[in-house]
Protein backbone atom coordinates (compact mmCIF):
# COMPACT_ATOMS: atom_id res chain seq x y z
CA UNK A 1 -52.56 174.66 125.34
CA UNK A 2 -48.56 173.99 125.66
CA UNK A 3 -47.06 170.75 126.28
CA UNK A 4 -43.48 169.96 127.27
CA UNK A 5 -41.63 166.78 126.67
CA UNK A 6 -38.25 166.07 128.06
CA UNK A 7 -36.37 163.24 125.89
CA UNK A 8 -32.87 162.05 126.52
CA UNK A 9 -31.12 161.77 123.03
CA UNK A 10 -27.70 160.62 122.86
CA UNK A 11 -25.08 162.82 121.76
CA UNK A 12 -24.36 161.01 118.63
CA UNK A 13 -28.13 160.91 117.69
CA UNK A 14 -28.43 164.64 118.19
CA UNK A 15 -25.48 165.51 116.03
CA UNK A 16 -27.20 163.33 113.24
CA UNK A 17 -30.38 165.16 113.68
CA UNK A 18 -28.68 168.81 113.76
CA UNK A 19 -26.60 167.70 110.73
CA UNK A 20 -29.88 166.80 108.49
CA UNK A 21 -31.63 169.83 109.71
CA UNK A 22 -28.47 171.93 108.59
CA UNK A 23 -28.51 170.23 105.38
CA UNK A 24 -32.04 170.80 104.59
CA UNK A 25 -31.63 174.29 105.63
CA UNK A 26 -28.74 174.91 103.06
CA UNK A 27 -31.00 173.06 100.52
CA UNK A 28 -33.83 175.53 100.96
CA UNK A 29 -31.56 178.43 100.74
CA UNK A 30 -29.99 177.39 97.60
CA UNK A 31 -33.48 176.88 95.98
CA UNK A 32 -34.46 180.46 97.16
CA UNK A 33 -31.30 181.99 95.86
CA UNK A 34 -31.90 180.16 92.41
CA UNK A 35 -35.18 181.74 92.40
CA UNK A 36 -33.75 185.03 92.53
CA UNK A 37 -31.99 184.82 89.09
CA UNK A 38 -34.68 182.68 87.34
CA UNK A 39 -35.40 183.70 83.69
CA UNK A 40 -37.83 186.75 83.08
CA UNK A 41 -39.93 186.89 79.91
CA UNK A 42 -39.90 190.46 78.25
CA UNK A 43 -42.67 191.99 80.38
CA UNK A 44 -40.97 190.97 83.51
CA UNK A 45 -37.75 192.39 82.43
CA UNK A 46 -39.30 195.43 81.43
CA UNK A 47 -40.97 195.90 84.89
CA UNK A 48 -37.70 194.97 86.50
CA UNK A 49 -35.73 197.70 84.73
CA UNK A 50 -38.63 200.24 84.89
CA UNK A 51 -38.87 200.76 81.46
CA UNK A 52 -41.63 199.99 78.93
CA UNK A 53 -41.80 197.07 76.82
CA UNK A 54 -41.32 199.08 73.68
CA UNK A 55 -38.02 200.45 75.11
CA UNK A 56 -36.94 196.97 76.12
CA UNK A 57 -37.58 195.78 72.57
CA UNK A 58 -35.52 198.63 71.04
CA UNK A 59 -32.59 197.72 73.40
CA UNK A 60 -32.74 194.20 72.30
CA UNK A 61 -33.11 194.65 68.61
CA UNK A 62 -29.97 196.92 68.77
CA UNK A 63 -28.20 194.14 70.89
CA UNK A 64 -27.49 196.72 73.67
CA UNK A 65 -28.92 194.51 76.55
CA UNK A 66 -28.21 191.01 77.68
CA UNK A 67 -30.79 188.38 76.50
CA UNK A 68 -31.15 184.71 75.46
CA UNK A 69 -33.47 183.62 72.62
CA UNK A 70 -34.07 179.81 72.00
CA UNK A 71 -34.35 180.28 68.10
CA UNK A 72 -34.58 183.13 65.77
CA UNK A 73 -37.60 185.24 66.07
CA UNK A 74 -38.46 183.25 69.39
CA UNK A 75 -39.32 184.60 72.70
CA UNK A 76 -36.62 186.54 74.75
CA UNK A 77 -35.47 185.75 78.15
CA UNK A 78 -33.48 187.91 80.56
CA UNK A 79 -31.69 187.07 83.83
CA UNK A 80 -32.22 189.65 86.66
CA UNK A 81 -28.27 189.56 87.38
CA UNK A 82 -27.54 190.15 83.84
CA UNK A 83 -30.02 193.24 83.79
CA UNK A 84 -28.63 194.79 86.96
CA UNK A 85 -25.21 194.44 85.79
CA UNK A 86 -26.02 195.92 82.44
CA UNK A 87 -28.14 198.80 84.10
CA UNK A 88 -24.89 199.41 86.52
CA UNK A 89 -22.71 199.71 83.47
CA UNK A 90 -25.18 202.20 81.66
CA UNK A 91 -25.32 204.55 84.69
CA UNK A 92 -23.21 207.65 84.43
CA UNK A 93 -22.09 209.06 87.84
CA UNK A 94 -21.91 212.81 88.18
CA UNK A 95 -19.85 214.43 90.67
CA UNK A 96 -18.10 217.49 90.82
CA UNK A 97 -14.78 216.05 91.95
CA UNK A 98 -14.71 217.16 95.47
CA UNK A 99 -16.85 214.28 96.84
CA UNK A 100 -19.82 216.36 97.61
CA UNK A 101 -21.73 214.64 94.90
């Protein structure tokens, strides 16, 4: 069942409603954006990179990959954006110089 209601809303009030909705949408998008770069634990970081947990631990012990640690010997944490930047810097792009790959 569909019900249609016509309401006359003064322009100033409509602008306020639209502004509040827009503000709320921006808030929600900012929160969602933050979620994409939340801290990962070691297991999640290994999965993100597509490597084994042992390989990740080797990289961290050699300080070859960005990570954070609350205390010496404590848990390791990783930001997806930093892992992606690290991975991008580690790629070697091969091509034959004529642009064909």
